[in-house]
């Protein structure tokens, strides 16, 4: 399941901007950083991964396309910060 989530997140990272949803690209990029290898997928905090999925779903459902929306901008920033902090030991 983790690998499938990574594949879908990777696809969304590439397609978000193409379909005029750059905020989805940001959310998906952060998620891919969180789970981009098997060791990370096993250890990644499930609530953080689910927060990314929820953010993507909310952006699409509410037609939030970019960081002009202050809530989306803050959420993207926080998700990126938490993903980077989690991924740091693996990125050395």
Protein backbone atom coordinates (compact mmCIF):
# COMPACT_ATOMS: atom_id res chain seq x y z
CA UNK A 1 0.00 0.00 0.00
CA UNK A 2 2.85 2.39 0.79
CA UNK A 3 4.45 1.90 -2.59
CA UNK A 4 1.12 2.51 -4.34
CA UNK A 5 0.66 5.70 -2.33
CA UNK A 6 4.14 6.83 -3.37
CA UNK A 7 3.40 6.13 -7.05
CA UNK A 8 0.15 8.11 -6.89
CA UNK A 9 1.78 10.98 -5.01
CA UNK A 10 4.61 11.05 -7.54
CA UNK A 11 2.07 11.22 -10.38
CA UNK A 12 0.16 14.04 -8.69
CA UNK A 13 3.39 15.94 -8.06
CA UNK A 14 3.95 15.98 -11.79
CA UNK A 15 0.36 16.56 -12.87
CA UNK A 16 -0.81 19.13 -10.32
CA UNK A 17 0.71 22.11 -12.07
CA UNK A 18 -0.14 20.69 -15.49
CA UNK A 19 -3.82 20.76 -14.51
CA UNK A 20 -3.50 24.19 -12.88
CA UNK A 21 -3.35 22.97 -9.28
CA UNK A 22 0.17 23.94 -8.17
CA UNK A 23 -0.90 23.55 -4.54
CA UNK A 24 -1.51 19.84 -5.24
CA UNK A 25 2.01 19.66 -6.67
CA UNK A 26 3.33 21.06 -3.38
CA UNK A 27 1.30 18.71 -1.20
CA UNK A 28 2.22 15.69 -3.32
CA UNK A 29 5.89 16.70 -3.44
CA UNK A 30 5.98 16.84 0.33
CA UNK A 31 4.30 13.45 0.55
CA UNK A 32 6.78 11.89 -1.87
CA UNK A 33 9.65 13.21 0.25
CA UNK A 34 8.05 11.54 3.26
CA UNK A 35 7.74 8.09 1.62
CA UNK A 36 10.22 7.97 -1.25
CA UNK A 37 11.91 4.74 -0.21
CA UNK A 38 10.89 1.52 1.53
CA UNK A 39 12.57 2.34 4.84
CA UNK A 40 10.80 5.68 5.04
CA UNK A 41 7.46 4.13 4.11
CA UNK A 42 7.76 1.62 6.96
CA UNK A 43 8.64 4.31 9.52
CA UNK A 44 6.62 7.29 8.26
CA UNK A 45 4.01 8.56 10.70
CA UNK A 46 0.64 7.48 9.31
CA UNK A 47 -1.16 10.63 10.55
CA UNK A 48 1.31 12.80 8.62
CA UNK A 49 0.83 10.79 5.42
CA UNK A 50 -2.94 10.96 5.86
CA UNK A 51 -2.73 14.72 6.44
CA UNK A 52 -1.10 15.05 3.01
CA UNK A 53 -3.83 12.96 1.40
CA UNK A 54 -6.49 15.02 3.15
CA UNK A 55 -4.88 18.26 2.00
CA UNK A 56 -4.85 17.08 -1.61
CA UNK A 57 -8.47 15.97 -1.42
CA UNK A 58 -9.56 19.24 0.20
CA UNK A 59 -7.74 21.35 -2.40
CA UNK A 60 -9.46 19.49 -5.21
CA UNK A 61 -12.89 19.47 -3.57
CA UNK A 62 -12.75 23.18 -2.77
CA UNK A 63 -11.03 24.20 -6.01
CA UNK A 64 -8.05 25.67 -4.15
CA UNK A 65 -5.39 25.91 -6.81
CA UNK A 66 -2.42 27.77 -5.37
CA UNK A 67 -0.94 29.48 -2.35
CA UNK A 68 -3.07 32.60 -2.82
CA UNK A 69 -5.28 30.88 -0.26
CA UNK A 70 -3.59 31.65 3.09
CA UNK A 71 -4.80 28.45 4.76
CA UNK A 72 -3.48 26.32 1.90
CA UNK A 73 -0.16 28.17 1.99
CA UNK A 74 0.24 27.63 5.73
CA UNK A 75 -0.78 23.99 5.47
CA UNK A 76 1.67 23.36 2.63
CA UNK A 77 4.45 24.99 4.61
CA UNK A 78 3.73 22.95 7.73
CA UNK A 79 3.47 19.66 5.83
CA UNK A 80 6.76 20.40 4.05
CA UNK A 81 8.46 21.24 7.35
CA UNK A 82 7.28 18.04 9.01
CA UNK A 83 8.15 15.86 6.00
CA UNK A 84 11.63 17.39 5.75
CA UNK A 85 12.23 16.86 9.48
CA UNK A 86 11.18 13.21 9.20
CA UNK A 87 13.21 12.59 6.02
CA UNK A 88 16.41 14.32 7.18
CA UNK A 89 18.12 11.24 8.67
CA UNK A 90 17.61 9.30 5.42
CA UNK A 91 18.78 12.15 3.20
CA UNK A 92 22.30 12.31 4.61
